[in-house]
């Protein structure tokens, strides 16, 4: 069985590195009174980065190893030492690779230029150590954040070859022989259809112009719907500036002729992408080294020229007629390059690419059939995931952050009241809103009840006063906590 050497489509699983955990630590040194918290932050996880590399010609390596992980961040240490960031995982892909979301098919990046990069998966944030949570109300925090855990992404990579001239034709029309004669490419050539199983690229020189020619497997009627082999590689001619139709003047089948072959090729291109028919197109009548080929070329050439095509009679075996074809293709490629350069120069001052991103402060509140209220926000999910919620101080810190973000007010507006279940980041919390977040009439009713001298709830026994004061201080501490400023949040 022949080994796979060329892959132009593959599915990859990528995941940035997890962030390192922050640490809870205190200074314990002689002659350093009240050393205080000294827990360092965790390092950030590495990114997974795709880079368009001219020395890479296939997606074969990703096809063989589709699971890629970047390095995790290192945990923080005492004495406020921050853990090292994880190394980025740089993956070389061929120039012309298109990155898509596997589920939606949305194009995430088109790496059409050498050196173009795309961060496929960002690394997780490092957790903050307890030294980062010190403020005037919390002198000795005994909690730290976990590193952010990054979810795996499923991507679809497609390679669209970067070539100036694309060869289009039926199987055994002579495309491989043509590119082998015009360039240093050495495709497989044999006297049977579908000899070419993978695209071939060759560099052709025409005077002082060098251009890249692409040979793809032959097309047959129905290729755009999956028939034959050529449908798998139609995408490789999407970037070509010039299309060269290689027509067989001596076809194997008696019911075929070059004109009907051309019509069939145009139909398949139209079905795949109608914009392909807007490209510059040239016709090459191949195999004129044979008497029947010469007779067929003389017969059909006037009809093709009437349709507006430039027609060249060639022999890919003997080399007859190849020089005029090569120089004409070079001239067309040069014209297209000049046109594209002018278009880019004109568009550069005015063209602005705007990428719309959701405001990280945005969140949604929804109630399910069971009466639970779901707060949906990647930002809040990250807060929940990174905090050790078995720690009372961490819980109060989270409450303060959510309240300052407006979550309590939005929940009250959505109908949530004390004792209702709130779901954030997959965890269920019991709602306990602040008095000022309640509607005015409810707030007045509660205050009226507290001021009623005959209402037991309004009185606090002497032995409970100290505990009540401690709780009030804790609530004030959570409300006034100002240490949750995040970069980019």
Protein backbone atom coordinates (compact mmCIF):
# COMPACT_ATOMS: atom_id res chain seq x y z
CA UNK A 1 0.00 0.00 0.00
CA UNK A 2 1.42 3.38 -1.04
CA UNK A 3 2.18 5.72 1.85
CA UNK A 4 0.27 9.00 2.07
CA UNK A 5 2.51 11.91 1.09
CA UNK A 6 0.05 14.75 0.55
CA UNK A 7 -2.89 15.84 2.72
CA UNK A 8 -4.84 19.03 1.99
CA UNK A 9 -7.66 18.63 4.55
CA UNK A 10 -7.55 17.58 8.17
CA UNK A 11 -9.32 17.99 11.50
CA UNK A 12 -7.20 19.04 14.46
CA UNK A 13 -7.83 19.25 18.20
CA UNK A 14 -5.96 22.15 19.76
CA UNK A 15 -5.76 23.38 23.33
CA UNK A 16 -3.75 26.19 24.83
CA UNK A 17 -1.88 25.53 28.04
CA UNK A 18 -3.68 25.77 31.37
CA UNK A 19 -2.72 28.65 33.63
CA UNK A 20 -0.59 27.95 36.67
CA UNK A 21 -2.18 28.13 40.11
CA UNK A 22 -1.59 31.00 42.48
CA UNK A 23 -0.26 30.04 45.89
CA UNK A 24 -1.17 30.82 49.49
CA UNK A 25 2.01 31.68 51.38
CA UNK A 26 3.18 33.96 54.19
CA UNK A 27 6.56 35.39 54.99
CA UNK A 28 8.13 33.59 57.94
CA UNK A 29 11.56 35.13 58.41
CA UNK A 30 13.46 36.03 61.51
CA UNK A 31 13.58 39.74 62.28
CA UNK A 32 10.67 40.42 59.84
CA UNK A 33 7.64 41.11 62.02
CA UNK A 34 4.23 40.94 60.39
CA UNK A 35 5.67 39.63 57.14
CA UNK A 36 2.24 39.23 55.66
CA UNK A 37 0.98 37.32 52.60
CA UNK A 38 3.63 36.44 50.01
CA UNK A 39 1.92 34.04 47.62
CA UNK A 40 3.01 34.51 43.99
CA UNK A 41 0.87 34.33 40.84
CA UNK A 42 0.79 31.40 38.45
CA UNK A 43 2.22 31.68 34.95
CA UNK A 44 0.08 32.01 31.84
CA UNK A 45 -0.39 28.97 29.62
CA UNK A 46 1.14 28.91 26.15
CA UNK A 47 -0.82 29.60 22.96
CA UNK A 48 -1.27 27.27 19.99
CA UNK A 49 -0.17 29.27 16.94
CA UNK A 50 -0.43 28.40 13.23
CA UNK A 51 2.27 29.95 11.03
CA UNK A 52 2.26 29.91 7.22
CA UNK A 53 5.61 28.44 6.18
CA UNK A 54 6.93 28.33 2.62
CA UNK A 55 8.93 25.17 3.40
CA UNK A 56 5.80 23.22 4.37
CA UNK A 57 3.80 21.78 1.49
CA UNK A 58 1.21 19.53 3.12
CA UNK A 59 -0.95 19.07 6.21
CA UNK A 60 0.40 15.55 6.56
CA UNK A 61 2.04 16.13 9.95
CA UNK A 62 -1.19 17.47 11.47
CA UNK A 63 -3.11 14.61 9.87
CA UNK A 64 -0.85 12.10 11.60
CA UNK A 65 -0.81 13.92 14.96
CA UNK A 66 -4.12 15.81 15.21
CA UNK A 67 -4.04 16.46 18.97
CA UNK A 68 -1.84 19.40 19.92
CA UNK A 69 -1.38 20.93 23.38
CA UNK A 70 0.62 23.97 24.42
CA UNK A 71 2.66 24.00 27.61
CA UNK A 72 0.92 24.76 30.90
CA UNK A 73 1.93 27.70 33.07
CA UNK A 74 4.01 27.01 36.18
CA UNK A 75 2.45 27.46 39.62
CA UNK A 76 3.39 30.47 41.70
CA UNK A 77 5.70 30.24 44.71
CA UNK A 78 6.26 31.96 48.00
CA UNK A 79 8.09 35.27 48.38
CA UNK A 80 5.78 36.64 45.66
CA UNK A 81 7.55 34.65 42.95
CA UNK A 82 5.50 34.35 39.77
CA UNK A 83 5.48 31.05 37.93
CA UNK A 84 6.95 30.88 34.42
CA UNK A 85 4.66 31.24 31.44
CA UNK A 86 4.12 28.17 29.28
CA UNK A 87 5.86 28.07 25.90
CA UNK A 88 3.77 28.68 22.81
CA UNK A 89 3.26 25.72 20.50
CA UNK A 90 4.08 26.95 16.97
CA UNK A 91 2.75 24.75 14.18
CA UNK A 92 3.97 25.30 10.62
CA UNK A 93 1.28 24.97 7.93
CA UNK A 94 1.50 25.50 4.16
CA UNK A 95 0.96 28.96 2.75
CA UNK A 96 -2.68 29.09 1.65
CA UNK A 97 -4.13 27.20 4.61
CA UNK A 98 -7.66 28.18 5.63
CA UNK A 99 -8.64 27.63 9.28
CA UNK A 100 -12.33 26.97 9.98
CA UNK A 101 -14.42 26.21 13.02
CA UNK A 102 -15.35 22.55 12.70
CA UNK A 103 -18.91 22.95 13.97
CA UNK A 104 -20.02 26.14 12.19
CA UNK A 105 -17.66 26.21 9.21
CA UNK A 106 -16.84 29.85 9.96
CA UNK A 107 -13.50 30.97 8.51
CA UNK A 108 -11.24 31.96 11.41
CA UNK A 109 -8.10 32.72 9.40
CA UNK A 110 -6.78 32.61 5.85
CA UNK A 111 -3.01 32.21 5.96
CA UNK A 112 -2.40 33.27 2.38
CA UNK A 113 0.86 35.14 2.93
CA UNK A 114 4.21 33.69 4.06
CA UNK A 115 4.70 34.30 7.76
CA UNK A 116 1.00 34.92 8.46
CA UNK A 117 0.02 33.75 11.94
CA UNK A 118 -3.18 32.77 13.72
CA UNK A 119 -3.60 32.00 17.41
CA UNK A 120 -5.79 28.91 17.29
CA UNK A 121 -6.16 28.57 21.07
CA UNK A 122 -5.15 31.08 23.72
CA UNK A 123 -3.43 29.92 26.87
CA UNK A 124 -5.21 30.19 30.20
CA UNK A 125 -4.61 33.01 32.65
CA UNK A 126 -2.43 32.32 35.64
CA UNK A 127 -4.16 32.33 39.01
CA UNK A 128 -3.36 35.13 41.43
CA UNK A 129 -1.62 34.33 44.71
CA UNK A 130 -2.93 35.50 48.05
CA UNK A 131 -0.57 38.52 48.00
CA UNK A 132 -2.74 39.96 45.21
CA UNK A 133 -5.86 39.99 47.39
CA UNK A 134 -4.55 42.13 50.21
CA UNK A 135 -6.47 45.34 50.87
CA UNK A 136 -7.30 47.51 53.85
CA UNK A 137 -10.16 45.21 54.90
CA UNK A 138 -8.51 41.88 54.14
CA UNK A 139 -5.07 41.90 55.74
CA UNK A 140 -4.28 38.21 55.55
CA UNK A 141 -6.18 36.49 52.72
CA UNK A 142 -6.02 32.74 52.94
CA UNK A 143 -7.06 31.88 49.41
CA UNK A 144 -5.56 32.06 45.94
CA UNK A 145 -6.91 31.49 42.44
CA UNK A 146 -6.53 28.37 40.39
CA UNK A 147 -5.11 28.73 36.90
CA UNK A 148 -7.65 29.11 34.11
CA UNK A 149 -8.52 25.78 32.50
CA UNK A 150 -8.64 25.97 28.69
CA UNK A 151 -11.14 23.96 26.69
CA UNK A 152 -10.11 22.02 23.61
CA UNK A 153 -11.10 23.44 20.21
CA UNK A 154 -11.96 21.41 17.13
CA UNK A 155 -10.78 23.02 13.90
CA UNK A 156 -10.90 22.14 10.22
CA UNK A 157 -7.86 23.02 8.10
CA UNK A 158 -8.08 23.26 4.31
CA UNK A 159 -5.17 23.91 1.98
CA UNK A 160 -5.71 26.06 -1.10
CA UNK A 161 -2.52 26.12 -3.10
CA UNK A 162 -1.02 29.49 -3.96
CA UNK A 163 -0.40 29.38 -7.72
CA UNK A 164 -0.55 31.82 -10.62
CA UNK A 165 -1.71 29.40 -13.33
CA UNK A 166 -4.00 26.45 -12.79
CA UNK A 167 -4.21 23.55 -15.24
CA UNK A 168 -7.74 22.29 -15.84
CA UNK A 169 -8.59 19.30 -17.99
CA UNK A 170 -9.92 15.78 -18.29
CA UNK A 171 -7.86 12.79 -17.12
CA UNK A 172 -5.04 11.89 -19.56
CA UNK A 173 -5.29 15.26 -21.31
CA UNK A 174 -1.56 15.82 -20.79
CA UNK A 175 -1.48 18.22 -17.84
CA UNK A 176 1.24 16.33 -15.98
CA UNK A 177 3.38 16.08 -19.11
CA UNK A 178 2.91 19.81 -19.69
CA UNK A 179 4.02 20.89 -16.20
CA UNK A 180 6.93 18.44 -16.34
CA UNK A 181 8.12 19.97 -19.64
CA UNK A 182 7.70 23.59 -18.52
CA UNK A 183 9.16 23.28 -15.01
CA UNK A 184 11.37 21.11 -12.84
CA UNK A 185 8.36 19.32 -11.35
CA UNK A 186 8.40 15.56 -11.73
CA UNK A 187 4.80 14.33 -11.53
CA UNK A 188 3.86 10.75 -12.20
CA UNK A 189 3.10 10.22 -15.90
CA UNK A 190 1.50 7.06 -17.30
CA UNK A 191 -0.81 6.00 -20.12
CA UNK A 192 -3.95 5.59 -18.03
CA UNK A 193 -6.49 7.97 -16.46
CA UNK A 194 -6.14 9.44 -12.96
CA UNK A 195 -2.38 9.06 -12.87
CA UNK A 196 -2.26 12.30 -10.87
CA UNK A 197 -3.65 11.67 -7.39
CA UNK A 198 -2.34 14.80 -5.66
CA UNK A 199 -1.73 18.39 -6.85
CA UNK A 200 1.68 19.24 -8.27
CA UNK A 201 3.36 22.64 -8.28
CA UNK A 202 6.05 23.81 -10.66
CA UNK A 203 7.88 27.12 -11.18
CA UNK A 204 7.90 28.25 -14.82
CA UNK A 205 10.24 30.92 -16.19
CA UNK A 206 9.17 33.10 -19.10
CA UNK A 207 11.92 35.64 -19.76
CA UNK A 208 12.25 37.72 -16.61
CA UNK A 209 8.90 36.52 -15.20
CA UNK A 210 8.67 33.51 -12.89
CA UNK A 211 5.26 32.09 -12.06
CA UNK A 212 3.87 29.04 -10.28
CA UNK A 213 1.80 26.50 -12.18
CA UNK A 214 -0.54 24.03 -10.43
CA UNK A 215 -1.56 20.67 -11.85
CA UNK A 216 -4.59 19.06 -10.17
CA UNK A 217 -6.20 15.66 -10.81
CA UNK A 218 -8.38 15.54 -13.90
CA UNK A 219 -12.01 16.57 -13.83
CA UNK A 220 -14.91 14.56 -15.19
CA UNK A 221 -18.60 15.51 -15.56
CA UNK A 222 -20.14 15.50 -12.09
CA UNK A 223 -16.86 16.29 -10.32
CA UNK A 224 -18.41 19.18 -8.37
CA UNK A 225 -20.89 16.66 -6.92
CA UNK A 226 -18.19 14.21 -5.87
CA UNK A 227 -17.55 12.12 -8.97
CA UNK A 228 -14.00 11.14 -9.79
CA UNK A 229 -10.99 12.60 -7.96
CA UNK A 230 -10.83 16.19 -9.17
CA UNK A 231 -13.64 17.39 -6.89
CA UNK A 232 -11.33 16.93 -3.92
CA UNK A 233 -8.88 19.45 -5.38
CA UNK A 234 -11.08 22.05 -7.06
CA UNK A 235 -10.30 24.41 -4.19
CA UNK A 236 -6.66 24.53 -5.30
CA UNK A 237 -7.47 26.57 -8.39
CA UNK A 238 -9.55 29.14 -6.50
CA UNK A 239 -6.50 31.36 -5.95
CA UNK A 240 -5.12 31.06 -9.51
CA UNK A 241 -5.07 34.27 -11.55
CA UNK A 242 -5.08 32.43 -14.90
CA UNK A 243 -6.76 29.14 -15.86
CA UNK A 244 -5.26 27.04 -18.64
CA UNK A 245 -7.71 24.55 -20.16
CA UNK A 246 -5.71 21.60 -21.51
CA UNK A 247 -7.88 19.88 -24.15
CA UNK A 248 -7.15 16.46 -25.61
CA UNK A 249 -7.36 16.51 -29.41
CA UNK A 250 -7.08 12.72 -29.55
CA UNK A 251 -9.33 11.49 -26.71
CA UNK A 252 -9.63 7.82 -25.84
CA UNK A 253 -13.44 7.89 -25.92
CA UNK A 254 -15.03 8.17 -29.35
CA UNK A 255 -17.93 10.30 -28.08
CA UNK A 256 -15.66 13.08 -26.80
CA UNK A 257 -14.26 16.13 -28.58
CA UNK A 258 -12.34 19.18 -27.30
CA UNK A 259 -15.32 21.57 -27.53
CA UNK A 260 -17.65 19.37 -25.48
CA UNK A 261 -14.79 18.74 -23.03
CA UNK A 262 -14.37 22.50 -22.55
CA UNK A 263 -18.08 22.96 -21.95
CA UNK A 264 -18.06 20.18 -19.38
CA UNK A 265 -15.07 21.74 -17.61
CA UNK A 266 -16.75 25.14 -17.51
CA UNK A 267 -19.90 23.58 -16.05
CA UNK A 268 -17.92 21.94 -13.24
CA UNK A 269 -16.09 25.19 -12.45
CA UNK A 270 -19.39 27.05 -12.43
CA UNK A 271 -20.95 24.53 -10.05
CA UNK A 272 -17.97 24.75 -7.68
CA UNK A 273 -17.60 28.54 -7.75
CA UNK A 274 -19.04 30.75 -10.47
CA UNK A 275 -16.38 33.39 -9.78
CA UNK A 276 -13.79 31.07 -11.35
CA UNK A 277 -15.23 31.85 -14.78
CA UNK A 278 -14.25 35.50 -14.29
CA UNK A 279 -10.53 34.61 -14.34
CA UNK A 280 -8.33 34.99 -17.41
CA UNK A 281 -8.68 31.78 -19.42
CA UNK A 282 -6.47 30.27 -22.12
CA UNK A 283 -6.99 27.09 -24.16
CA UNK A 284 -4.20 24.67 -25.07
CA UNK A 285 -4.97 22.03 -27.71
CA UNK A 286 -2.62 19.19 -26.79
CA UNK A 287 -1.19 16.24 -28.78
CA UNK A 288 -0.71 18.04 -32.09
CA UNK A 289 2.34 15.82 -32.62
CA UNK A 290 -0.17 13.23 -33.86
CA UNK A 291 -1.81 13.54 -37.30
CA UNK A 292 -5.30 13.16 -35.86
CA UNK A 293 -4.49 15.83 -33.29
CA UNK A 294 -3.39 18.31 -35.96
CA UNK A 295 -6.58 17.70 -37.96
CA UNK A 296 -8.80 18.14 -34.87
CA UNK A 297 -6.98 21.34 -33.83
CA UNK A 298 -7.41 22.91 -37.28
CA UNK A 299 -11.09 21.97 -37.24
CA UNK A 300 -12.10 23.39 -33.85
CA UNK A 301 -9.70 26.30 -33.40
CA UNK A 302 -11.88 28.85 -35.26
CA UNK A 303 -14.91 27.95 -33.14
CA UNK A 304 -12.98 28.42 -29.91
CA UNK A 305 -11.53 31.75 -31.05
CA UNK A 306 -15.02 32.98 -31.93
CA UNK A 307 -15.96 32.36 -28.30
CA UNK A 308 -13.17 34.72 -27.22
CA UNK A 309 -10.48 32.24 -26.14
CA UNK A 310 -6.80 32.50 -26.89
CA UNK A 311 -5.90 29.15 -28.41
CA UNK A 312 -2.46 27.51 -28.55
CA UNK A 313 -1.64 24.28 -30.37
CA UNK A 314 0.94 22.35 -28.36
CA UNK A 315 2.53 19.00 -27.78
CA UNK A 316 3.48 18.32 -24.17
CA UNK A 317 5.63 15.40 -25.34
CA UNK A 318 7.67 16.95 -28.15
CA UNK A 319 7.56 20.51 -26.80
CA UNK A 320 6.02 21.95 -29.95
CA UNK A 321 4.26 25.29 -29.36
CA UNK A 322 5.23 25.48 -25.68
CA UNK A 323 7.40 28.62 -25.92
CA UNK A 324 4.60 30.90 -27.22
CA UNK A 325 2.28 29.46 -24.55
CA UNK A 326 4.82 29.95 -21.76
CA UNK A 327 5.52 33.58 -22.66
CA UNK A 328 1.84 34.39 -23.06
CA UNK A 329 1.05 32.93 -19.64
CA UNK A 330 3.92 34.93 -18.18
CA UNK A 331 2.53 38.14 -19.69
CA UNK A 332 -0.98 37.43 -18.34
CA UNK A 333 0.39 36.68 -14.88
CA UNK A 334 2.40 39.90 -14.93
CA UNK A 335 -0.71 41.88 -15.91
CA UNK A 336 -2.73 40.30 -13.10
CA UNK A 337 0.00 41.03 -10.56
CA UNK A 338 0.13 44.67 -11.65
CA UNK A 339 -3.65 44.96 -11.41
CA UNK A 340 -3.70 43.46 -7.92
CA UNK A 341 -0.89 45.78 -6.80
CA UNK A 342 -2.82 48.83 -8.01
CA UNK A 343 -6.00 47.62 -6.31
CA UNK A 344 -4.16 47.14 -3.04
CA UNK A 345 -2.47 50.54 -3.31
CA UNK A 346 -5.78 52.29 -3.95
CA UNK A 347 -7.63 50.39 -1.24
CA UNK A 348 -4.93 50.65 1.43
CA UNK A 349 -5.74 54.18 2.70
CA UNK A 350 -9.49 53.58 2.90
CA UNK A 351 -9.95 49.89 3.60
CA UNK A 352 -10.45 49.16 7.29
CA UNK A 353 -10.91 45.65 8.66
CA UNK A 354 -13.17 45.64 11.72
CA UNK A 355 -13.44 42.57 13.91
CA UNK A 356 -16.53 42.58 16.11
CA UNK A 357 -16.08 41.03 19.53
CA UNK A 358 -18.61 40.64 22.27
CA UNK A 359 -18.22 43.02 25.20
CA UNK A 360 -16.79 40.88 28.03
CA UNK A 361 -19.00 42.78 30.49
CA UNK A 362 -22.13 41.55 28.72
CA UNK A 363 -24.09 38.73 30.33
CA UNK A 364 -27.52 37.14 30.06
CA UNK A 365 -29.94 36.02 32.76
CA UNK A 366 -32.42 33.27 31.88
CA UNK A 367 -34.89 31.23 33.95
CA UNK A 368 -35.34 27.54 33.15
CA UNK A 369 -38.42 25.34 33.55
CA UNK A 370 -37.35 24.34 37.07
CA UNK A 371 -37.27 27.94 38.25
CA UNK A 372 -33.48 28.24 38.36
CA UNK A 373 -31.85 31.41 37.09
CA UNK A 374 -28.85 30.92 34.79
CA UNK A 375 -26.28 33.69 34.50
CA UNK A 376 -24.46 33.16 31.20
CA UNK A 377 -21.10 34.84 30.73
CA UNK A 378 -17.67 33.37 29.91
CA UNK A 379 -16.18 35.99 32.22
CA UNK A 380 -18.24 34.90 35.21
CA UNK A 381 -17.66 31.23 34.38
CA UNK A 382 -13.93 31.93 34.57
CA UNK A 383 -14.31 33.62 37.94
CA UNK A 384 -16.16 30.60 39.33
CA UNK A 385 -13.69 28.12 37.88
CA UNK A 386 -10.60 29.91 39.18
CA UNK A 387 -11.72 30.44 42.79
CA UNK A 388 -11.59 27.79 45.56
CA UNK A 389 -15.22 28.04 46.61
CA UNK A 390 -14.69 25.80 49.62
CA UNK A 391 -12.97 28.82 51.18
CA UNK A 392 -15.24 31.34 52.91
CA UNK A 393 -13.06 34.31 52.02
CA UNK A 394 -13.01 33.27 48.34
CA UNK A 395 -16.81 32.99 48.31
CA UNK A 396 -17.20 36.47 49.77
CA UNK A 397 -14.71 37.80 47.24
CA UNK A 398 -16.76 36.26 44.41
CA UNK A 399 -19.96 37.75 45.82
CA UNK A 400 -18.39 41.19 45.82
CA UNK A 401 -17.21 40.86 42.22
CA UNK A 402 -20.60 39.66 40.99
CA UNK A 403 -22.41 42.42 42.83
CA UNK A 404 -20.16 45.12 41.39
CA UNK A 405 -20.68 43.64 37.94
CA UNK A 406 -24.44 44.21 38.33
CA UNK A 407 -25.44 40.55 38.57
CA UNK A 408 -27.57 40.91 41.70
CA UNK A 409 -29.50 43.84 40.26
CA UNK A 410 -30.16 42.00 37.00
CA UNK A 411 -31.32 38.90 38.87
CA UNK A 412 -33.76 40.96 40.94
CA UNK A 413 -35.06 42.57 37.74
CA UNK A 414 -35.54 39.09 36.27
CA UNK A 415 -37.66 38.08 39.27
CA UNK A 416 -35.15 36.27 41.47
CA UNK A 417 -35.68 36.60 45.22
CA UNK A 418 -33.99 35.37 48.36
CA UNK A 419 -33.62 31.60 48.44
CA UNK A 420 -33.86 31.09 44.66
CA UNK A 421 -31.23 28.92 42.97
CA UNK A 422 -28.70 30.70 40.73
CA UNK A 423 -26.51 28.77 38.28
CA UNK A 424 -23.15 30.28 37.31
CA UNK A 425 -20.37 28.32 35.67
CA UNK A 426 -22.16 25.02 36.28
CA UNK A 427 -22.42 25.60 40.04
CA UNK A 428 -25.62 26.33 41.96
CA UNK A 429 -25.77 29.18 44.48
CA UNK A 430 -28.53 30.34 46.80
CA UNK A 431 -29.58 33.92 46.10
CA UNK A 432 -29.28 36.41 48.94
CA UNK A 433 -29.74 39.90 47.45
CA UNK A 434 -28.67 43.13 49.08
CA UNK A 435 -31.46 45.33 50.39
CA UNK A 436 -30.67 48.22 48.07
CA UNK A 437 -31.00 46.01 45.00
CA UNK A 438 -34.65 45.18 45.75
CA UNK A 439 -37.53 47.23 44.34
CA UNK A 440 -38.48 50.30 46.41
CA UNK A 441 -41.80 48.87 47.65
CA UNK A 442 -40.19 45.63 48.81
CA UNK A 443 -37.35 47.51 50.45
CA UNK A 444 -39.80 49.79 52.30
CA UNK A 445 -41.84 46.81 53.45
CA UNK A 446 -38.75 45.07 54.83
CA UNK A 447 -37.55 48.23 56.57
CA UNK A 448 -40.98 48.79 58.04
CA UNK A 449 -40.93 45.27 59.44
CA UNK A 450 -37.48 45.75 60.94
CA UNK A 451 -38.56 48.98 62.64
CA UNK A 452 -41.73 47.42 64.09
CA UNK A 453 -41.02 47.19 67.88
CA UNK A 454 -43.30 44.18 68.13
CA UNK A 455 -41.57 42.23 65.37
CA UNK A 456 -39.07 39.76 66.84
CA UNK A 457 -37.02 39.87 63.64
CA UNK A 458 -36.17 43.53 64.26
CA UNK A 459 -34.37 42.94 67.56
CA UNK A 460 -30.91 41.58 68.18
CA UNK A 461 -30.02 40.00 71.48
CA UNK A 462 -26.98 41.38 73.29
CA UNK A 463 -25.04 38.13 72.93
CA UNK A 464 -25.63 38.19 69.15
CA UNK A 465 -24.48 41.79 68.62
CA UNK A 466 -20.79 40.94 68.26
CA UNK A 467 -21.43 38.22 65.65
CA UNK A 468 -23.75 40.55 63.73
CA UNK A 469 -21.05 43.21 63.62
CA UNK A 470 -18.52 40.70 62.26
CA UNK A 471 -20.90 39.69 59.47
CA UNK A 472 -21.49 43.33 58.59
CA UNK A 473 -17.74 43.89 58.34
CA UNK A 474 -17.40 40.85 56.09
CA UNK A 475 -20.15 42.11 53.78
CA UNK A 476 -18.57 45.55 53.66
CA UNK A 477 -15.22 43.93 52.85
CA UNK A 478 -16.73 42.07 49.87
CA UNK A 479 -18.52 45.16 48.59
CA UNK A 480 -15.47 47.41 48.79
CA UNK A 481 -12.97 44.87 47.48
CA UNK A 482 -11.27 46.58 44.54
CA UNK A 483 -8.61 44.09 43.53
CA UNK A 484 -10.39 42.42 40.62
CA UNK A 485 -9.21 44.69 37.84
CA UNK A 486 -8.33 42.48 34.85
CA UNK A 487 -6.42 43.29 31.73
CA UNK A 488 -8.82 43.47 28.84
CA UNK A 489 -11.89 42.78 30.97
